[in-house]
């Protein structure tokens, strides 16, 4: 099963302030991001504590829904 991080990398090159692209670039550039995790709560807690760039956690929830639907 691919990790959430691995799934998000397909959005890394999205342009124009795309929130999924911003989240993917944050994960890519953050060496402490839980890159092997497939656990919603672990990633959500990490982003709540470190994802200060996010206007709200709803973008993570949207990304997680896409991830879950593709698994």
C-alpha atoms as a PDB file:
ATOM      1  CA  UNK A   1       0.000   0.000   0.000  1.00  0.00           C
ATOM      2  CA  UNK A   2       1.419   3.365  -0.968  1.00  0.00           C
ATOM      3  CA  UNK A   3       1.810   6.009   1.718  1.00  0.00           C
ATOM      4  CA  UNK A   4      -0.142   9.255   1.767  1.00  0.00           C
ATOM      5  CA  UNK A   5       3.098  11.104   1.023  1.00  0.00           C
ATOM      6  CA  UNK A   6       3.788   8.956  -2.035  1.00  0.00           C
ATOM      7  CA  UNK A   7       0.221   9.516  -3.272  1.00  0.00           C
ATOM      8  CA  UNK A   8       0.515  13.304  -2.821  1.00  0.00           C
ATOM      9  CA  UNK A   9       3.669  13.562  -4.915  1.00  0.00           C
ATOM     10  CA  UNK A  10       1.576  13.420  -8.100  1.00  0.00           C
ATOM     11  CA  UNK A  11       0.203  16.859  -7.144  1.00  0.00           C
ATOM     12  CA  UNK A  12       3.606  18.414  -6.401  1.00  0.00           C
ATOM     13  CA  UNK A  13       3.885  20.229  -9.736  1.00  0.00           C
ATOM     14  CA  UNK A  14       0.350  21.673  -9.741  1.00  0.00           C
ATOM     15  CA  UNK A  15       0.500  25.408 -10.441  1.00  0.00           C
ATOM     16  CA  UNK A  16      -1.475  28.522  -9.628  1.00  0.00           C
ATOM     17  CA  UNK A  17      -1.845  28.277  -5.882  1.00  0.00           C
ATOM     18  CA  UNK A  18      -3.545  24.884  -6.057  1.00  0.00           C
ATOM     19  CA  UNK A  19      -4.012  23.792  -2.418  1.00  0.00           C
ATOM     20  CA  UNK A  20      -3.224  20.139  -3.195  1.00  0.00           C
ATOM     21  CA  UNK A  21      -0.009  21.241  -4.873  1.00  0.00           C
ATOM     22  CA  UNK A  22       0.897  23.404  -1.891  1.00  0.00           C
ATOM     23  CA  UNK A  23       0.299  20.517   0.512  1.00  0.00           C
ATOM     24  CA  UNK A  24       2.359  18.175  -1.671  1.00  0.00           C
ATOM     25  CA  UNK A  25       5.253  20.646  -1.878  1.00  0.00           C
ATOM     26  CA  UNK A  26       5.143  21.162   1.891  1.00  0.00           C
ATOM     27  CA  UNK A  27       5.366  17.400   2.455  1.00  0.00           C
ATOM     28  CA  UNK A  28       8.184  17.101  -0.093  1.00  0.00           C
ATOM     29  CA  UNK A  29      10.246  19.896   1.469  1.00  0.00           C
ATOM     30  CA  UNK A  30       9.590  18.942   5.104  1.00  0.00           C
ATOM     31  CA  UNK A  31      12.173  16.345   6.110  1.00  0.00           C
ATOM     32  CA  UNK A  32      10.168  15.491   9.245  1.00  0.00           C
ATOM     33  CA  UNK A  33       6.895  14.764   7.433  1.00  0.00           C
ATOM     34  CA  UNK A  34       5.742  11.182   8.184  1.00  0.00           C
ATOM     35  CA  UNK A  35       6.551   9.985   4.671  1.00  0.00           C
ATOM     36  CA  UNK A  36       5.804   6.301   5.210  1.00  0.00           C
ATOM     37  CA  UNK A  37       2.537   6.779   7.093  1.00  0.00           C
ATOM     38  CA  UNK A  38      -0.848   5.541   5.946  1.00  0.00           C
ATOM     39  CA  UNK A  39      -2.534   6.666   9.180  1.00  0.00           C
ATOM     40  CA  UNK A  40      -5.004   9.562   9.019  1.00  0.00           C
ATOM     41  CA  UNK A  41      -4.590  10.543  12.665  1.00  0.00           C
ATOM     42  CA  UNK A  42      -0.795  10.555  12.585  1.00  0.00           C
ATOM     43  CA  UNK A  43      -0.660  12.799   9.511  1.00  0.00           C
ATOM     44  CA  UNK A  44      -3.507  15.017  10.685  1.00  0.00           C
ATOM     45  CA  UNK A  45      -1.826  15.621  14.045  1.00  0.00           C
ATOM     46  CA  UNK A  46       1.483  16.332  12.316  1.00  0.00           C
ATOM     47  CA  UNK A  47      -0.135  18.908  10.027  1.00  0.00           C
ATOM     48  CA  UNK A  48      -2.023  20.528  12.898  1.00  0.00           C
ATOM     49  CA  UNK A  49       1.277  21.023  14.713  1.00  0.00           C
ATOM     50  CA  UNK A  50       3.460  21.886  11.698  1.00  0.00           C
ATOM     51  CA  UNK A  51       1.303  22.871   8.743  1.00  0.00           C
ATOM     52  CA  UNK A  52       1.003  26.548   9.582  1.00  0.00           C
ATOM     53  CA  UNK A  53       0.705  27.422   5.906  1.00  0.00           C
ATOM     54  CA  UNK A  54      -2.686  25.649   5.684  1.00  0.00           C
ATOM     55  CA  UNK A  55      -5.646  28.013   5.916  1.00  0.00           C
ATOM     56  CA  UNK A  56      -7.688  25.108   7.251  1.00  0.00           C
ATOM     57  CA  UNK A  57      -7.383  21.376   7.632  1.00  0.00           C
ATOM     58  CA  UNK A  58     -10.156  20.902   5.079  1.00  0.00           C
ATOM     59  CA  UNK A  59      -7.565  20.651   2.275  1.00  0.00           C
ATOM     60  CA  UNK A  60      -5.971  17.731   4.091  1.00  0.00           C
ATOM     61  CA  UNK A  61      -9.386  16.119   4.497  1.00  0.00           C
ATOM     62  CA  UNK A  62     -10.037  16.525   0.766  1.00  0.00           C
ATOM     63  CA  UNK A  63      -6.629  15.070  -0.065  1.00  0.00           C
ATOM     64  CA  UNK A  64      -7.230  12.174   2.316  1.00  0.00           C
ATOM     65  CA  UNK A  65     -10.597  11.424   0.681  1.00  0.00           C
ATOM     66  CA  UNK A  66      -8.895  11.291  -2.732  1.00  0.00           C
ATOM     67  CA  UNK A  67      -6.190   9.039  -1.273  1.00  0.00           C
ATOM     68  CA  UNK A  68      -8.753   6.702   0.282  1.00  0.00           C
ATOM     69  CA  UNK A  69     -10.762   6.494  -2.941  1.00  0.00           C
ATOM     70  CA  UNK A  70      -7.676   5.514  -4.913  1.00  0.00           C
ATOM     71  CA  UNK A  71      -6.493   2.824  -2.473  1.00  0.00           C
END
